[in-house]
């Protein structure tokens, strides 16, 4: 009896699809997952970078600065 060989076409397609999925996950990690896991770090970065910006002066068309309509803190 001869040993059966695995079909090469299926293996290549699986590697290609697996590589594509891995590349998408690697690309999404710094954009979506890392900020979601480390919220406080990003809040501190935003506070530091926005401290010298006067929000009243950068609002378009004289609109008032956004506030939460439900009064959440």
PDB file of N, CA and C in Angstrom:
ATOM      1  N   UNK A   1       0.827  -1.187   0.000  1.00  0.00           N
ATOM      2  CA  UNK A   1       0.000   0.000   0.000  1.00  0.00           C
ATOM      3  C   UNK A   1       0.867   1.245   0.000  1.00  0.00           C
ATOM      4  N   UNK A   2       0.427   2.218  -0.770  1.00  0.00           N
ATOM      5  CA  UNK A   2       1.134   3.494  -0.828  1.00  0.00           C
ATOM      6  C   UNK A   2       0.566   4.449   0.225  1.00  0.00           C
ATOM      7  N   UNK A   3       1.427   5.264   0.774  1.00  0.00           N
ATOM      8  CA  UNK A   3       0.970   6.280   1.720  1.00  0.00           C
ATOM      9  C   UNK A   3       0.310   7.409   0.938  1.00  0.00           C
ATOM     10  N   UNK A   4      -0.786   7.915   1.466  1.00  0.00           N
ATOM     11  CA  UNK A   4      -1.491   8.994   0.769  1.00  0.00           C
ATOM     12  C   UNK A   4      -0.792  10.320   1.047  1.00  0.00           C
ATOM     13  N   UNK A   5      -0.645  11.119   0.012  1.00  0.00           N
ATOM     14  CA  UNK A   5      -0.041  12.438   0.149  1.00  0.00           C
ATOM     15  C   UNK A   5      -1.141  13.477   0.342  1.00  0.00           C
ATOM     16  N   UNK A   6      -0.867  14.446   1.186  1.00  0.00           N
ATOM     17  CA  UNK A   6      -1.830  15.518   1.414  1.00  0.00           C
ATOM     18  C   UNK A   6      -1.865  16.416   0.182  1.00  0.00           C
ATOM     19  N   UNK A   7      -3.020  16.912  -0.171  1.00  0.00           N
ATOM     20  CA  UNK A   7      -3.093  17.802  -1.333  1.00  0.00           C
ATOM     21  C   UNK A   7      -2.392  19.124  -1.028  1.00  0.00           C
ATOM     22  N   UNK A   8      -1.467  19.484  -1.877  1.00  0.00           N
ATOM     23  CA  UNK A   8      -0.678  20.700  -1.668  1.00  0.00           C
ATOM     24  C   UNK A   8      -1.507  21.970  -1.832  1.00  0.00           C
ATOM     25  N   UNK A   9      -2.470  21.951  -2.716  1.00  0.00           N
ATOM     26  CA  UNK A   9      -3.260  23.147  -2.983  1.00  0.00           C
ATOM     27  C   UNK A   9      -4.005  23.615  -1.725  1.00  0.00           C
ATOM     28  N   UNK A  10      -4.549  22.682  -0.969  1.00  0.00           N
ATOM     29  CA  UNK A  10      -5.275  23.027   0.246  1.00  0.00           C
ATOM     30  C   UNK A  10      -4.374  23.611   1.316  1.00  0.00           C
ATOM     31  N   UNK A  11      -3.173  23.084   1.418  1.00  0.00           N
ATOM     32  CA  UNK A  11      -2.224  23.588   2.412  1.00  0.00           C
ATOM     33  C   UNK A  11      -1.811  25.009   2.075  1.00  0.00           C
ATOM     34  N   UNK A  12      -1.536  25.266   0.809  1.00  0.00           N
ATOM     35  CA  UNK A  12      -1.128  26.610   0.399  1.00  0.00           C
ATOM     36  C   UNK A  12      -2.254  27.620   0.623  1.00  0.00           C
ATOM     37  N   UNK A  13      -3.468  27.232   0.327  1.00  0.00           N
ATOM     38  CA  UNK A  13      -4.597  28.135   0.542  1.00  0.00           C
ATOM     39  C   UNK A  13      -4.782  28.413   2.032  1.00  0.00           C
ATOM     40  N   UNK A  14      -4.619  27.391   2.853  1.00  0.00           N
ATOM     41  CA  UNK A  14      -4.746  27.578   4.300  1.00  0.00           C
ATOM     42  C   UNK A  14      -3.679  28.495   4.860  1.00  0.00           C
ATOM     43  N   UNK A  15      -2.456  28.335   4.375  1.00  0.00           N
ATOM     44  CA  UNK A  15      -1.359  29.201   4.821  1.00  0.00           C
ATOM     45  C   UNK A  15      -1.603  30.632   4.364  1.00  0.00           C
ATOM     46  N   UNK A  16      -2.079  30.797   3.145  1.00  0.00           N
ATOM     47  CA  UNK A  16      -2.354  32.134   2.625  1.00  0.00           C
ATOM     48  C   UNK A  16      -3.461  32.821   3.429  1.00  0.00           C
ATOM     49  N   UNK A  17      -4.536  32.131   3.681  1.00  0.00           N
ATOM     50  CA  UNK A  17      -5.645  32.712   4.450  1.00  0.00           C
ATOM     51  C   UNK A  17      -5.222  32.967   5.895  1.00  0.00           C
ATOM     52  N   UNK A  18      -4.502  32.030   6.486  1.00  0.00           N
ATOM     53  CA  UNK A  18      -4.011  32.224   7.851  1.00  0.00           C
ATOM     54  C   UNK A  18      -3.060  33.405   7.955  1.00  0.00           C
ATOM     55  N   UNK A  19      -2.206  33.567   6.960  1.00  0.00           N
ATOM     56  CA  UNK A  19      -1.292  34.712   6.942  1.00  0.00           C
ATOM     57  C   UNK A  19      -2.031  36.028   6.807  1.00  0.00           C
ATOM     58  N   UNK A  20      -3.067  36.041   5.987  1.00  0.00           N
ATOM     59  CA  UNK A  20      -3.859  37.257   5.819  1.00  0.00           C
ATOM     60  C   UNK A  20      -4.572  37.630   7.117  1.00  0.00           C
ATOM     61  N   UNK A  21      -5.168  36.656   7.773  1.00  0.00           N
ATOM     62  CA  UNK A  21      -5.855  36.904   9.046  1.00  0.00           C
ATOM     63  C   UNK A  21      -4.860  37.393  10.098  1.00  0.00           C
ATOM     64  N   UNK A  22      -3.687  36.792  10.148  1.00  0.00           N
ATOM     65  CA  UNK A  22      -2.659  37.217  11.103  1.00  0.00           C
ATOM     66  C   UNK A  22      -2.212  38.647  10.817  1.00  0.00           C
ATOM     67  N   UNK A  23      -2.047  38.996   9.543  1.00  0.00           N
ATOM     68  CA  UNK A  23      -1.628  40.354   9.186  1.00  0.00           C
ATOM     69  C   UNK A  23      -2.685  41.378   9.589  1.00  0.00           C
ATOM     70  N   UNK A  24      -3.948  41.054   9.405  1.00  0.00           N
ATOM     71  CA  UNK A  24      -5.026  41.965   9.800  1.00  0.00           C
ATOM     72  C   UNK A  24      -5.041  42.143  11.315  1.00  0.00           C
ATOM     73  N   UNK A  25      -4.863  41.059  12.052  1.00  0.00           N
ATOM     74  CA  UNK A  25      -4.838  41.143  13.518  1.00  0.00           C
ATOM     75  C   UNK A  25      -3.662  41.973  14.010  1.00  0.00           C
ATOM     76  N   UNK A  26      -2.509  41.795  13.397  1.00  0.00           N
ATOM     77  CA  UNK A  26      -1.323  42.567  13.786  1.00  0.00           C
ATOM     78  C   UNK A  26      -1.531  44.045  13.468  1.00  0.00           C
ATOM     79  N   UNK A  27      -2.182  44.350  12.353  1.00  0.00           N
ATOM     80  CA  UNK A  27      -2.429  45.743  11.985  1.00  0.00           C
ATOM     81  C   UNK A  27      -3.468  46.394  12.893  1.00  0.00           C
ATOM     82  N   UNK A  28      -4.454  45.639  13.352  1.00  0.00           N
ATOM     83  CA  UNK A  28      -5.506  46.203  14.190  1.00  0.00           C
ATOM     84  C   UNK A  28      -5.111  46.351  15.654  1.00  0.00           C
ATOM     85  N   UNK A  29      -4.127  45.615  16.109  1.00  0.00           N
ATOM     86  CA  UNK A  29      -3.762  45.659  17.528  1.00  0.00           C
ATOM     87  C   UNK A  29      -3.429  47.077  18.004  1.00  0.00           C
ATOM     88  N   UNK A  30      -2.501  47.806  17.357  1.00  0.00           N
ATOM     89  CA  UNK A  30      -2.183  49.139  17.889  1.00  0.00           C
ATOM     90  C   UNK A  30      -3.288  50.167  17.679  1.00  0.00           C
ATOM     91  N   UNK A  31      -4.218  49.891  16.778  1.00  0.00           N
ATOM     92  CA  UNK A  31      -5.277  50.848  16.480  1.00  0.00           C
ATOM     93  C   UNK A  31      -6.493  50.641  17.372  1.00  0.00           C
ATOM     94  N   UNK A  32      -6.848  49.390  17.642  1.00  0.00           N
ATOM     95  CA  UNK A  32      -8.096  49.092  18.343  1.00  0.00           C
ATOM     96  C   UNK A  32      -7.862  48.489  19.725  1.00  0.00           C
ATOM     97  N   UNK A  33      -7.080  47.454  19.803  1.00  0.00           N
ATOM     98  CA  UNK A  33      -6.989  46.659  21.028  1.00  0.00           C
ATOM     99  C   UNK A  33      -6.153  47.348  22.104  1.00  0.00           C
ATOM    100  N   UNK A  34      -4.995  47.880  21.753  1.00  0.00           N
ATOM    101  CA  UNK A  34      -4.124  48.506  22.754  1.00  0.00           C
ATOM    102  C   UNK A  34      -4.793  49.707  23.430  1.00  0.00           C
ATOM    103  N   UNK A  35      -5.402  50.644  22.691  1.00  0.00           N
ATOM    104  CA  UNK A  35      -6.097  51.742  23.373  1.00  0.00           C
ATOM    105  C   UNK A  35      -7.258  51.271  24.241  1.00  0.00           C
ATOM    106  N   UNK A  36      -7.933  50.206  23.842  1.00  0.00           N
ATOM    107  CA  UNK A  36      -9.048  49.673  24.626  1.00  0.00           C
ATOM    108  C   UNK A  36      -8.561  49.097  25.950  1.00  0.00           C
ATOM    109  N   UNK A  37      -7.386  48.480  25.945  1.00  0.00           N
ATOM    110  CA  UNK A  37      -6.859  47.865  27.158  1.00  0.00           C
ATOM    111  C   UNK A  37      -6.181  48.872  28.085  1.00  0.00           C
ATOM    112  N   UNK A  38      -5.631  49.948  27.534  1.00  0.00           N
ATOM    113  CA  UNK A  38      -4.875  50.921  28.322  1.00  0.00           C
ATOM    114  C   UNK A  38      -5.508  52.308  28.194  1.00  0.00           C
ATOM    115  N   UNK A  39      -6.750  52.442  28.647  1.00  0.00           N
ATOM    116  CA  UNK A  39      -7.515  53.680  28.509  1.00  0.00           C
ATOM    117  C   UNK A  39      -6.858  54.822  29.275  1.00  0.00           C
ATOM    118  N   UNK A  40      -6.403  54.576  30.485  1.00  0.00           N
ATOM    119  CA  UNK A  40      -5.830  55.641  31.313  1.00  0.00           C
ATOM    120  C   UNK A  40      -4.582  56.251  30.682  1.00  0.00           C
ATOM    121  N   UNK A  41      -3.758  55.429  30.048  1.00  0.00           N
ATOM    122  CA  UNK A  41      -2.560  55.956  29.382  1.00  0.00           C
ATOM    123  C   UNK A  41      -2.948  56.943  28.287  1.00  0.00           C
ATOM    124  N   UNK A  42      -3.952  56.594  27.501  1.00  0.00           N
ATOM    125  CA  UNK A  42      -4.366  57.460  26.405  1.00  0.00           C
ATOM    126  C   UNK A  42      -5.068  58.710  26.914  1.00  0.00           C
ATOM    127  N   UNK A  43      -5.776  58.625  28.035  1.00  0.00           N
ATOM    128  CA  UNK A  43      -6.390  59.813  28.624  1.00  0.00           C
ATOM    129  C   UNK A  43      -5.320  60.795  29.089  1.00  0.00           C
ATOM    130  N   UNK A  44      -4.247  60.276  29.689  1.00  0.00           N
ATOM    131  CA  UNK A  44      -3.152  61.138  30.131  1.00  0.00           C
ATOM    132  C   UNK A  44      -2.446  61.782  28.943  1.00  0.00           C
ATOM    133  N   UNK A  45      -2.248  61.030  27.879  1.00  0.00           N
ATOM    134  CA  UNK A  45      -1.609  61.578  26.681  1.00  0.00           C
ATOM    135  C   UNK A  45      -2.467  62.694  26.095  1.00  0.00           C
ATOM    136  N   UNK A  46      -3.784  62.485  26.012  1.00  0.00           N
ATOM    137  CA  UNK A  46      -4.674  63.510  25.482  1.00  0.00           C
ATOM    138  C   UNK A  46      -4.679  64.750  26.367  1.00  0.00           C
ATOM    139  N   UNK A  47      -4.698  64.552  27.668  1.00  0.00           N
ATOM    140  CA  UNK A  47      -4.689  65.685  28.589  1.00  0.00           C
ATOM    141  C   UNK A  47      -3.416  66.506  28.408  1.00  0.00           C
ATOM    142  N   UNK A  48      -2.287  65.831  28.246  1.00  0.00           N
ATOM    143  CA  UNK A  48      -1.004  66.516  28.070  1.00  0.00           C
ATOM    144  C   UNK A  48      -0.946  67.264  26.738  1.00  0.00           C
ATOM    145  N   UNK A  49      -1.406  66.643  25.654  1.00  0.00           N
ATOM    146  CA  UNK A  49      -1.295  67.281  24.340  1.00  0.00           C
ATOM    147  C   UNK A  49      -2.331  68.375  24.125  1.00  0.00           C
ATOM    148  N   UNK A  50      -3.433  68.342  24.851  1.00  0.00           N
ATOM    149  CA  UNK A  50      -4.486  69.343  24.667  1.00  0.00           C
ATOM    150  C   UNK A  50      -4.470  70.453  25.709  1.00  0.00           C
ATOM    151  N   UNK A  51      -3.490  70.459  26.606  1.00  0.00           N
ATOM    152  CA  UNK A  51      -3.524  71.426  27.705  1.00  0.00           C
ATOM    153  C   UNK A  51      -3.354  72.869  27.236  1.00  0.00           C
ATOM    154  N   UNK A  52      -2.658  73.111  26.130  1.00  0.00           N
ATOM    155  CA  UNK A  52      -2.428  74.478  25.658  1.00  0.00           C
ATOM    156  C   UNK A  52      -3.428  74.921  24.594  1.00  0.00           C
ATOM    157  N   UNK A  53      -4.425  74.112  24.296  1.00  0.00           N
ATOM    158  CA  UNK A  53      -5.398  74.442  23.257  1.00  0.00           C
ATOM    159  C   UNK A  53      -6.627  75.072  23.904  1.00  0.00           C
ATOM    160  N   UNK A  54      -6.975  76.266  23.433  1.00  0.00           N
ATOM    161  CA  UNK A  54      -8.195  76.932  23.895  1.00  0.00           C
ATOM    162  C   UNK A  54      -9.339  76.439  23.016  1.00  0.00           C
ATOM    163  N   UNK A  55     -10.211  75.616  23.570  1.00  0.00           N
ATOM    164  CA  UNK A  55     -11.269  75.006  22.768  1.00  0.00           C
ATOM    165  C   UNK A  55     -12.256  76.033  22.226  1.00  0.00           C
ATOM    166  N   UNK A  56     -12.470  77.108  22.934  1.00  0.00           N
ATOM    167  CA  UNK A  56     -13.391  78.140  22.453  1.00  0.00           C
ATOM    168  C   UNK A  56     -12.884  78.764  21.154  1.00  0.00           C
ATOM    169  N   UNK A  57     -11.571  78.909  21.014  1.00  0.00           N
ATOM    170  CA  UNK A  57     -11.026  79.568  19.827  1.00  0.00           C
ATOM    171  C   UNK A  57     -10.959  78.647  18.610  1.00  0.00           C
ATOM    172  N   UNK A  58     -10.997  77.344  18.798  1.00  0.00           N
ATOM    173  CA  UNK A  58     -10.899  76.432  17.660  1.00  0.00           C
ATOM    174  C   UNK A  58     -12.251  75.868  17.229  1.00  0.00           C
ATOM    175  N   UNK A  59     -13.333  76.242  17.897  1.00  0.00           N
ATOM    176  CA  UNK A  59     -14.656  75.763  17.512  1.00  0.00           C
ATOM    177  C   UNK A  59     -15.072  76.425  16.198  1.00  0.00           C
ATOM    178  N   UNK A  60     -15.568  75.672  15.231  1.00  0.00           N
ATOM    179  CA  UNK A  60     -15.978  76.263  13.951  1.00  0.00           C
ATOM    180  C   UNK A  60     -17.295  77.024  14.071  1.00  0.00           C
ATOM    181  N   UNK A  61     -17.369  78.134  13.396  1.00  0.00           N
ATOM    182  CA  UNK A  61     -18.617  78.881  13.288  1.00  0.00           C
ATOM    183  C   UNK A  61     -19.176  79.425  14.578  1.00  0.00           C
ATOM    184  N   UNK A  62     -18.340  79.644  15.563  1.00  0.00           N
ATOM    185  CA  UNK A  62     -18.814  80.190  16.822  1.00  0.00           C
ATOM    186  C   UNK A  62     -19.686  79.232  17.621  1.00  0.00           C
ATOM    187  N   UNK A  63     -19.620  77.954  17.321  1.00  0.00           N
ATOM    188  CA  UNK A  63     -20.408  76.962  18.060  1.00  0.00           C
ATOM    189  C   UNK A  63     -19.831  76.788  19.459  1.00  0.00           C
ATOM    190  N   UNK A  64     -20.696  76.439  20.412  1.00  0.00           N
ATOM    191  CA  UNK A  64     -20.190  76.238  21.769  1.00  0.00           C
ATOM    192  C   UNK A  64     -19.495  74.875  21.872  1.00  0.00           C
ATOM    193  N   UNK A  65     -18.610  74.743  22.836  1.00  0.00           N
ATOM    194  CA  UNK A  65     -17.861  73.517  23.056  1.00  0.00           C
ATOM    195  C   UNK A  65     -18.830  72.415  23.459  1.00  0.00           C
ATOM    196  N   UNK A  66     -18.608  71.206  22.945  1.00  0.00           N
ATOM    197  CA  UNK A  66     -19.503  70.084  23.211  1.00  0.00           C
ATOM    198  C   UNK A  66     -19.568  69.793  24.697  1.00  0.00           C
ATOM    199  N   UNK A  67     -20.771  69.508  25.160  1.00  0.00           N
ATOM    200  CA  UNK A  67     -20.969  69.047  26.532  1.00  0.00           C
ATOM    201  C   UNK A  67     -21.957  67.892  26.487  1.00  0.00           C
ATOM    202  N   UNK A  68     -21.910  67.058  27.484  1.00  0.00           N
ATOM    203  CA  UNK A  68     -22.771  65.879  27.538  1.00  0.00           C
ATOM    204  C   UNK A  68     -24.200  66.320  27.850  1.00  0.00           C
ATOM    205  N   UNK A  69     -25.156  66.031  26.977  1.00  0.00           N
ATOM    206  CA  UNK A  69     -26.529  66.481  27.217  1.00  0.00           C
ATOM    207  C   UNK A  69     -27.211  65.765  28.378  1.00  0.00           C
ATOM    208  N   UNK A  70     -26.656  64.666  28.831  1.00  0.00           N
ATOM    209  CA  UNK A  70     -27.258  63.915  29.929  1.00  0.00           C
ATOM    210  C   UNK A  70     -26.578  64.199  31.262  1.00  0.00           C
ATOM    211  N   UNK A  71     -25.561  65.032  31.268  1.00  0.00           N
ATOM    212  CA  UNK A  71     -24.911  65.436  32.495  1.00  0.00           C
ATOM    213  C   UNK A  71     -24.097  64.361  33.185  1.00  0.00           C
ATOM    214  N   UNK A  72     -23.616  63.373  32.444  1.00  0.00           N
ATOM    215  CA  UNK A  72     -22.782  62.325  33.057  1.00  0.00           C
ATOM    216  C   UNK A  72     -21.415  62.895  33.384  1.00  0.00           C
ATOM    217  N   UNK A  73     -20.816  62.364  34.433  1.00  0.00           N
ATOM    218  CA  UNK A  73     -19.479  62.827  34.806  1.00  0.00           C
ATOM    219  C   UNK A  73     -18.497  61.714  34.718  1.00  0.00           C
TER     220      UNK A  73
END
